[in-house]
């Protein structure tokens, strides 16, 4: 069942360990601990019983405490931001996060651009990840393809994805639109963003 696995590590213990183990980031993890205790009070939770990821993310949204404080919202009318059990709060919090990172409704997420890159500039953009943005018209010209125009002519990221050997091997390359970039702001992994995007496509195609 989607959303049932919130993680298996104690969030309080994880954050406390990270605070102690990384002196250079102690201020960051001290702040995370404070935010975590505040959200436990808000949701009437025992801090020692909340489970999450090895990095201290929790709930169906897998927010870290500072992200919860910044982006979580209550949408079910009880004024508590419950990202553990309230479907309304969970979906509204996710939507708020993506909106804050410039998600554009009904705009493309990604576009296939081939099985090879036709210039060193695109190769370097692929290596640099979401920090490197390329003009969509330039991608069209280099790859000799036609792309949907991005909102406000925003730049695109170039993403290389390995193809499983049982499916022929090699690579496929996609152009990441601003909506793709919003997903990688949530989780800085192109594979994660592609998995989310392709799952969304599959669900949409069922209707």
C-alpha atoms as a PDB file:
ATOM      1  CA  UNK A   1       0.000   0.000   0.000  1.00  0.00           C
ATOM      2  CA  UNK A   2       1.401   3.383  -1.022  1.00  0.00           C
ATOM      3  CA  UNK A   3       2.471   5.457   1.953  1.00  0.00           C
ATOM      4  CA  UNK A   4       2.485   2.628   4.490  1.00  0.00           C
ATOM      5  CA  UNK A   5       6.282   2.424   4.869  1.00  0.00           C
ATOM      6  CA  UNK A   6       7.474   5.541   6.712  1.00  0.00           C
ATOM      7  CA  UNK A   7      10.900   4.116   7.554  1.00  0.00           C
ATOM      8  CA  UNK A   8      12.250   1.966  10.355  1.00  0.00           C
ATOM      9  CA  UNK A   9      14.681   4.253  12.179  1.00  0.00           C
ATOM     10  CA  UNK A  10      13.815   6.283  15.250  1.00  0.00           C
ATOM     11  CA  UNK A  11      13.802   9.897  14.045  1.00  0.00           C
ATOM     12  CA  UNK A  12      14.806  11.381  17.396  1.00  0.00           C
ATOM     13  CA  UNK A  13      17.676   8.917  17.777  1.00  0.00           C
ATOM     14  CA  UNK A  14      18.775   9.469  14.173  1.00  0.00           C
ATOM     15  CA  UNK A  15      18.879  13.254  14.461  1.00  0.00           C
ATOM     16  CA  UNK A  16      20.627  13.071  17.818  1.00  0.00           C
ATOM     17  CA  UNK A  17      23.260  10.732  16.344  1.00  0.00           C
ATOM     18  CA  UNK A  18      23.793  12.983  13.315  1.00  0.00           C
ATOM     19  CA  UNK A  19      24.104  16.011  15.611  1.00  0.00           C
ATOM     20  CA  UNK A  20      26.838  14.254  17.586  1.00  0.00           C
ATOM     21  CA  UNK A  21      28.613  12.600  14.636  1.00  0.00           C
ATOM     22  CA  UNK A  22      28.999  15.649  12.377  1.00  0.00           C
ATOM     23  CA  UNK A  23      30.390  18.607  14.377  1.00  0.00           C
ATOM     24  CA  UNK A  24      30.566  20.823  11.295  1.00  0.00           C
ATOM     25  CA  UNK A  25      26.813  20.429  10.806  1.00  0.00           C
ATOM     26  CA  UNK A  26      25.870  20.383  14.465  1.00  0.00           C
ATOM     27  CA  UNK A  27      23.944  23.674  14.185  1.00  0.00           C
ATOM     28  CA  UNK A  28      21.865  22.250  11.330  1.00  0.00           C
ATOM     29  CA  UNK A  29      20.986  19.044  13.150  1.00  0.00           C
ATOM     30  CA  UNK A  30      20.312  20.891  16.404  1.00  0.00           C
ATOM     31  CA  UNK A  31      17.755  22.958  14.487  1.00  0.00           C
ATOM     32  CA  UNK A  32      16.278  19.764  13.011  1.00  0.00           C
ATOM     33  CA  UNK A  33      15.906  18.328  16.505  1.00  0.00           C
ATOM     34  CA  UNK A  34      14.124  21.459  17.687  1.00  0.00           C
ATOM     35  CA  UNK A  35      11.731  21.438  14.723  1.00  0.00           C
ATOM     36  CA  UNK A  36      11.099  17.723  15.246  1.00  0.00           C
ATOM     37  CA  UNK A  37      10.139  18.236  18.889  1.00  0.00           C
ATOM     38  CA  UNK A  38       7.821  21.085  17.881  1.00  0.00           C
ATOM     39  CA  UNK A  39       6.013  18.939  15.310  1.00  0.00           C
ATOM     40  CA  UNK A  40       5.674  16.116  17.858  1.00  0.00           C
ATOM     41  CA  UNK A  41       4.001  18.559  20.229  1.00  0.00           C
ATOM     42  CA  UNK A  42       1.742  19.824  17.439  1.00  0.00           C
ATOM     43  CA  UNK A  43       0.654  16.287  16.555  1.00  0.00           C
ATOM     44  CA  UNK A  44       0.686  14.926  20.122  1.00  0.00           C
ATOM     45  CA  UNK A  45       3.341  12.337  19.267  1.00  0.00           C
ATOM     46  CA  UNK A  46       5.888  10.654  21.497  1.00  0.00           C
ATOM     47  CA  UNK A  47       9.254  11.670  19.942  1.00  0.00           C
ATOM     48  CA  UNK A  48      10.754   8.301  20.847  1.00  0.00           C
ATOM     49  CA  UNK A  49       8.183   6.337  18.847  1.00  0.00           C
ATOM     50  CA  UNK A  50       8.274   8.187  15.492  1.00  0.00           C
ATOM     51  CA  UNK A  51       9.985   6.166  12.762  1.00  0.00           C
ATOM     52  CA  UNK A  52      11.564   7.523   9.596  1.00  0.00           C
ATOM     53  CA  UNK A  53      14.483   7.229   7.207  1.00  0.00           C
ATOM     54  CA  UNK A  54      18.160   6.929   8.098  1.00  0.00           C
ATOM     55  CA  UNK A  55      18.442  10.677   7.360  1.00  0.00           C
ATOM     56  CA  UNK A  56      15.601  11.723   9.672  1.00  0.00           C
ATOM     57  CA  UNK A  57      12.797  12.092   7.105  1.00  0.00           C
ATOM     58  CA  UNK A  58       9.356  10.975   8.253  1.00  0.00           C
ATOM     59  CA  UNK A  59       5.700  10.567   7.398  1.00  0.00           C
ATOM     60  CA  UNK A  60       4.172   9.871   4.016  1.00  0.00           C
ATOM     61  CA  UNK A  61       5.781  13.042   2.692  1.00  0.00           C
ATOM     62  CA  UNK A  62       9.251  12.023   3.946  1.00  0.00           C
ATOM     63  CA  UNK A  63       9.964  15.600   5.001  1.00  0.00           C
ATOM     64  CA  UNK A  64      12.888  16.394   7.246  1.00  0.00           C
ATOM     65  CA  UNK A  65      11.790  18.581  10.197  1.00  0.00           C
ATOM     66  CA  UNK A  66      12.769  21.913   8.604  1.00  0.00           C
ATOM     67  CA  UNK A  67      10.855  21.018   5.426  1.00  0.00           C
ATOM     68  CA  UNK A  68       7.851  20.150   7.564  1.00  0.00           C
ATOM     69  CA  UNK A  69       8.015  23.554   9.238  1.00  0.00           C
ATOM     70  CA  UNK A  70       8.372  25.346   5.908  1.00  0.00           C
ATOM     71  CA  UNK A  71       6.009  23.446   3.607  1.00  0.00           C
ATOM     72  CA  UNK A  72       3.537  21.288   5.553  1.00  0.00           C
ATOM     73  CA  UNK A  73      -0.032  22.598   5.651  1.00  0.00           C
ATOM     74  CA  UNK A  74      -3.316  21.573   7.236  1.00  0.00           C
ATOM     75  CA  UNK A  75      -6.082  21.016   4.713  1.00  0.00           C
ATOM     76  CA  UNK A  76      -8.565  18.888   6.631  1.00  0.00           C
ATOM     77  CA  UNK A  77      -9.943  21.619   8.879  1.00  0.00           C
ATOM     78  CA  UNK A  78      -8.368  20.642  12.198  1.00  0.00           C
ATOM     79  CA  UNK A  79      -5.449  23.147  12.019  1.00  0.00           C
ATOM     80  CA  UNK A  80      -2.901  20.367  12.730  1.00  0.00           C
ATOM     81  CA  UNK A  81      -0.413  19.493  10.000  1.00  0.00           C
ATOM     82  CA  UNK A  82      -0.553  15.700   9.966  1.00  0.00           C
ATOM     83  CA  UNK A  83       1.751  14.180   7.325  1.00  0.00           C
ATOM     84  CA  UNK A  84       1.394  10.730   8.875  1.00  0.00           C
ATOM     85  CA  UNK A  85      -2.304   9.887   8.621  1.00  0.00           C
ATOM     86  CA  UNK A  86      -4.320  12.749   7.073  1.00  0.00           C
ATOM     87  CA  UNK A  87      -4.621  12.217   3.323  1.00  0.00           C
ATOM     88  CA  UNK A  88      -5.797  15.810   2.865  1.00  0.00           C
ATOM     89  CA  UNK A  89      -2.815  17.250   4.743  1.00  0.00           C
ATOM     90  CA  UNK A  90      -0.361  14.930   2.992  1.00  0.00           C
ATOM     91  CA  UNK A  91      -1.505  15.779  -0.528  1.00  0.00           C
ATOM     92  CA  UNK A  92      -1.823  19.494   0.238  1.00  0.00           C
ATOM     93  CA  UNK A  93       1.668  19.573   1.771  1.00  0.00           C
ATOM     94  CA  UNK A  94       3.161  17.852  -1.272  1.00  0.00           C
ATOM     95  CA  UNK A  95       1.329  20.263  -3.571  1.00  0.00           C
ATOM     96  CA  UNK A  96       2.544  23.237  -1.525  1.00  0.00           C
ATOM     97  CA  UNK A  97       6.137  22.034  -1.704  1.00  0.00           C
ATOM     98  CA  UNK A  98       6.026  21.558  -5.473  1.00  0.00           C
ATOM     99  CA  UNK A  99       4.274  24.907  -5.937  1.00  0.00           C
ATOM    100  CA  UNK A 100       6.990  26.655  -3.950  1.00  0.00           C
ATOM    101  CA  UNK A 101       9.559  25.096  -6.279  1.00  0.00           C
ATOM    102  CA  UNK A 102       7.721  26.443  -9.333  1.00  0.00           C
ATOM    103  CA  UNK A 103       5.660  23.434 -10.415  1.00  0.00           C
ATOM    104  CA  UNK A 104       3.481  24.418 -13.389  1.00  0.00           C
ATOM    105  CA  UNK A 105       0.107  22.706 -13.678  1.00  0.00           C
ATOM    106  CA  UNK A 106      -0.367  20.676 -16.888  1.00  0.00           C
ATOM    107  CA  UNK A 107       3.148  21.509 -18.115  1.00  0.00           C
ATOM    108  CA  UNK A 108       5.513  18.742 -19.291  1.00  0.00           C
ATOM    109  CA  UNK A 109       7.819  17.040 -16.819  1.00  0.00           C
ATOM    110  CA  UNK A 110      10.385  15.577 -19.202  1.00  0.00           C
ATOM    111  CA  UNK A 111      10.934  14.755 -22.868  1.00  0.00           C
ATOM    112  CA  UNK A 112      12.917  11.969 -24.498  1.00  0.00           C
ATOM    113  CA  UNK A 113      15.876  13.299 -26.493  1.00  0.00           C
ATOM    114  CA  UNK A 114      17.532  10.099 -27.751  1.00  0.00           C
ATOM    115  CA  UNK A 115      20.019   7.375 -26.878  1.00  0.00           C
ATOM    116  CA  UNK A 116      23.117   9.513 -27.338  1.00  0.00           C
ATOM    117  CA  UNK A 117      24.116  13.147 -26.865  1.00  0.00           C
ATOM    118  CA  UNK A 118      25.326  14.974 -29.946  1.00  0.00           C
ATOM    119  CA  UNK A 119      27.549  17.622 -28.349  1.00  0.00           C
ATOM    120  CA  UNK A 120      30.050  17.958 -25.527  1.00  0.00           C
ATOM    121  CA  UNK A 121      27.933  20.755 -24.058  1.00  0.00           C
ATOM    122  CA  UNK A 122      25.060  18.354 -23.449  1.00  0.00           C
ATOM    123  CA  UNK A 123      27.446  15.721 -22.088  1.00  0.00           C
ATOM    124  CA  UNK A 124      28.796  18.235 -19.578  1.00  0.00           C
ATOM    125  CA  UNK A 125      25.272  19.330 -18.660  1.00  0.00           C
ATOM    126  CA  UNK A 126      24.388  15.708 -17.951  1.00  0.00           C
ATOM    127  CA  UNK A 127      27.412  15.376 -15.657  1.00  0.00           C
ATOM    128  CA  UNK A 128      26.576  18.574 -13.759  1.00  0.00           C
ATOM    129  CA  UNK A 129      22.997  17.543 -13.055  1.00  0.00           C
ATOM    130  CA  UNK A 130      20.281  20.038 -12.152  1.00  0.00           C
ATOM    131  CA  UNK A 131      22.766  22.878 -11.709  1.00  0.00           C
ATOM    132  CA  UNK A 132      23.294  23.070 -15.485  1.00  0.00           C
ATOM    133  CA  UNK A 133      20.434  24.528 -17.523  1.00  0.00           C
ATOM    134  CA  UNK A 134      20.379  24.483 -21.324  1.00  0.00           C
ATOM    135  CA  UNK A 135      18.103  26.526 -23.565  1.00  0.00           C
ATOM    136  CA  UNK A 136      15.412  24.242 -24.998  1.00  0.00           C
ATOM    137  CA  UNK A 137      15.926  25.570 -28.530  1.00  0.00           C
ATOM    138  CA  UNK A 138      19.594  24.651 -28.345  1.00  0.00           C
ATOM    139  CA  UNK A 139      18.707  21.118 -27.264  1.00  0.00           C
ATOM    140  CA  UNK A 140      16.335  20.870 -30.238  1.00  0.00           C
ATOM    141  CA  UNK A 141      19.016  22.006 -32.653  1.00  0.00           C
ATOM    142  CA  UNK A 142      21.768  19.762 -31.293  1.00  0.00           C
ATOM    143  CA  UNK A 143      19.634  16.626 -31.000  1.00  0.00           C
ATOM    144  CA  UNK A 144      17.643  17.315 -34.198  1.00  0.00           C
ATOM    145  CA  UNK A 145      14.299  16.814 -32.464  1.00  0.00           C
ATOM    146  CA  UNK A 146      11.179  18.821 -31.668  1.00  0.00           C
ATOM    147  CA  UNK A 147      10.504  19.623 -28.021  1.00  0.00           C
ATOM    148  CA  UNK A 148       7.495  21.099 -26.236  1.00  0.00           C
ATOM    149  CA  UNK A 149       8.152  24.697 -25.312  1.00  0.00           C
ATOM    150  CA  UNK A 150       8.799  25.032 -21.562  1.00  0.00           C
ATOM    151  CA  UNK A 151       6.914  27.581 -19.440  1.00  0.00           C
ATOM    152  CA  UNK A 152       8.533  31.016 -19.705  1.00  0.00           C
ATOM    153  CA  UNK A 153      11.235  29.492 -21.939  1.00  0.00           C
ATOM    154  CA  UNK A 154      12.874  28.032 -18.824  1.00  0.00           C
ATOM    155  CA  UNK A 155      16.119  26.120 -19.151  1.00  0.00           C
ATOM    156  CA  UNK A 156      16.224  22.324 -19.270  1.00  0.00           C
ATOM    157  CA  UNK A 157      18.422  19.832 -17.462  1.00  0.00           C
ATOM    158  CA  UNK A 158      19.953  16.878 -19.294  1.00  0.00           C
ATOM    159  CA  UNK A 159      19.524  13.498 -17.646  1.00  0.00           C
ATOM    160  CA  UNK A 160      21.172  10.221 -18.639  1.00  0.00           C
ATOM    161  CA  UNK A 161      19.510   7.003 -17.489  1.00  0.00           C
ATOM    162  CA  UNK A 162      20.928   3.503 -17.808  1.00  0.00           C
ATOM    163  CA  UNK A 163      18.811   0.934 -19.611  1.00  0.00           C
ATOM    164  CA  UNK A 164      18.708  -2.495 -17.986  1.00  0.00           C
ATOM    165  CA  UNK A 165      20.779  -5.095 -19.887  1.00  0.00           C
ATOM    166  CA  UNK A 166      17.681  -7.289 -20.243  1.00  0.00           C
ATOM    167  CA  UNK A 167      16.072  -4.387 -22.093  1.00  0.00           C
ATOM    168  CA  UNK A 168      19.001  -3.894 -24.445  1.00  0.00           C
ATOM    169  CA  UNK A 169      21.428  -1.904 -22.288  1.00  0.00           C
ATOM    170  CA  UNK A 170      22.915   1.481 -23.110  1.00  0.00           C
ATOM    171  CA  UNK A 171      21.436   4.819 -22.114  1.00  0.00           C
ATOM    172  CA  UNK A 172      18.369   6.913 -22.711  1.00  0.00           C
ATOM    173  CA  UNK A 173      18.536  10.670 -22.348  1.00  0.00           C
ATOM    174  CA  UNK A 174      15.748  13.002 -21.332  1.00  0.00           C
ATOM    175  CA  UNK A 175      15.379  16.743 -20.981  1.00  0.00           C
ATOM    176  CA  UNK A 176      14.123  17.718 -17.538  1.00  0.00           C
ATOM    177  CA  UNK A 177      11.576  20.545 -17.574  1.00  0.00           C
ATOM    178  CA  UNK A 178      10.915  22.868 -14.601  1.00  0.00           C
ATOM    179  CA  UNK A 179       8.463  20.315 -13.190  1.00  0.00           C
ATOM    180  CA  UNK A 180      11.197  17.669 -13.281  1.00  0.00           C
ATOM    181  CA  UNK A 181      13.485  20.128 -11.524  1.00  0.00           C
ATOM    182  CA  UNK A 182      10.826  20.670  -8.849  1.00  0.00           C
ATOM    183  CA  UNK A 183      10.824  16.935  -8.134  1.00  0.00           C
ATOM    184  CA  UNK A 184      14.624  16.850  -7.854  1.00  0.00           C
ATOM    185  CA  UNK A 185      14.408  19.744  -5.401  1.00  0.00           C
ATOM    186  CA  UNK A 186      12.423  17.319  -3.243  1.00  0.00           C
ATOM    187  CA  UNK A 187      14.851  14.446  -3.755  1.00  0.00           C
ATOM    188  CA  UNK A 188      18.095  15.202  -5.575  1.00  0.00           C
ATOM    189  CA  UNK A 189      18.048  12.037  -7.652  1.00  0.00           C
ATOM    190  CA  UNK A 190      17.215  11.917 -11.344  1.00  0.00           C
ATOM    191  CA  UNK A 191      16.239   8.263 -10.987  1.00  0.00           C
ATOM    192  CA  UNK A 192      13.795   9.177  -8.244  1.00  0.00           C
ATOM    193  CA  UNK A 193      12.308  11.948 -10.398  1.00  0.00           C
ATOM    194  CA  UNK A 194      11.948   9.603 -13.375  1.00  0.00           C
ATOM    195  CA  UNK A 195      10.357   6.888 -11.238  1.00  0.00           C
ATOM    196  CA  UNK A 196       7.830   9.391  -9.870  1.00  0.00           C
ATOM    197  CA  UNK A 197       7.119  10.780 -13.352  1.00  0.00           C
ATOM    198  CA  UNK A 198       6.684   7.392 -15.008  1.00  0.00           C
ATOM    199  CA  UNK A 199       4.499   6.125 -12.169  1.00  0.00           C
ATOM    200  CA  UNK A 200       2.314   9.223 -12.552  1.00  0.00           C
ATOM    201  CA  UNK A 201       2.090   8.578 -16.312  1.00  0.00           C
ATOM    202  CA  UNK A 202       1.095   4.958 -15.694  1.00  0.00           C
ATOM    203  CA  UNK A 203      -1.616   5.966 -13.229  1.00  0.00           C
ATOM    204  CA  UNK A 204      -2.920   8.647 -15.594  1.00  0.00           C
ATOM    205  CA  UNK A 205      -3.096   6.137 -18.450  1.00  0.00           C
ATOM    206  CA  UNK A 206      -5.295   3.831 -16.367  1.00  0.00           C
ATOM    207  CA  UNK A 207      -8.091   6.401 -16.412  1.00  0.00           C
END
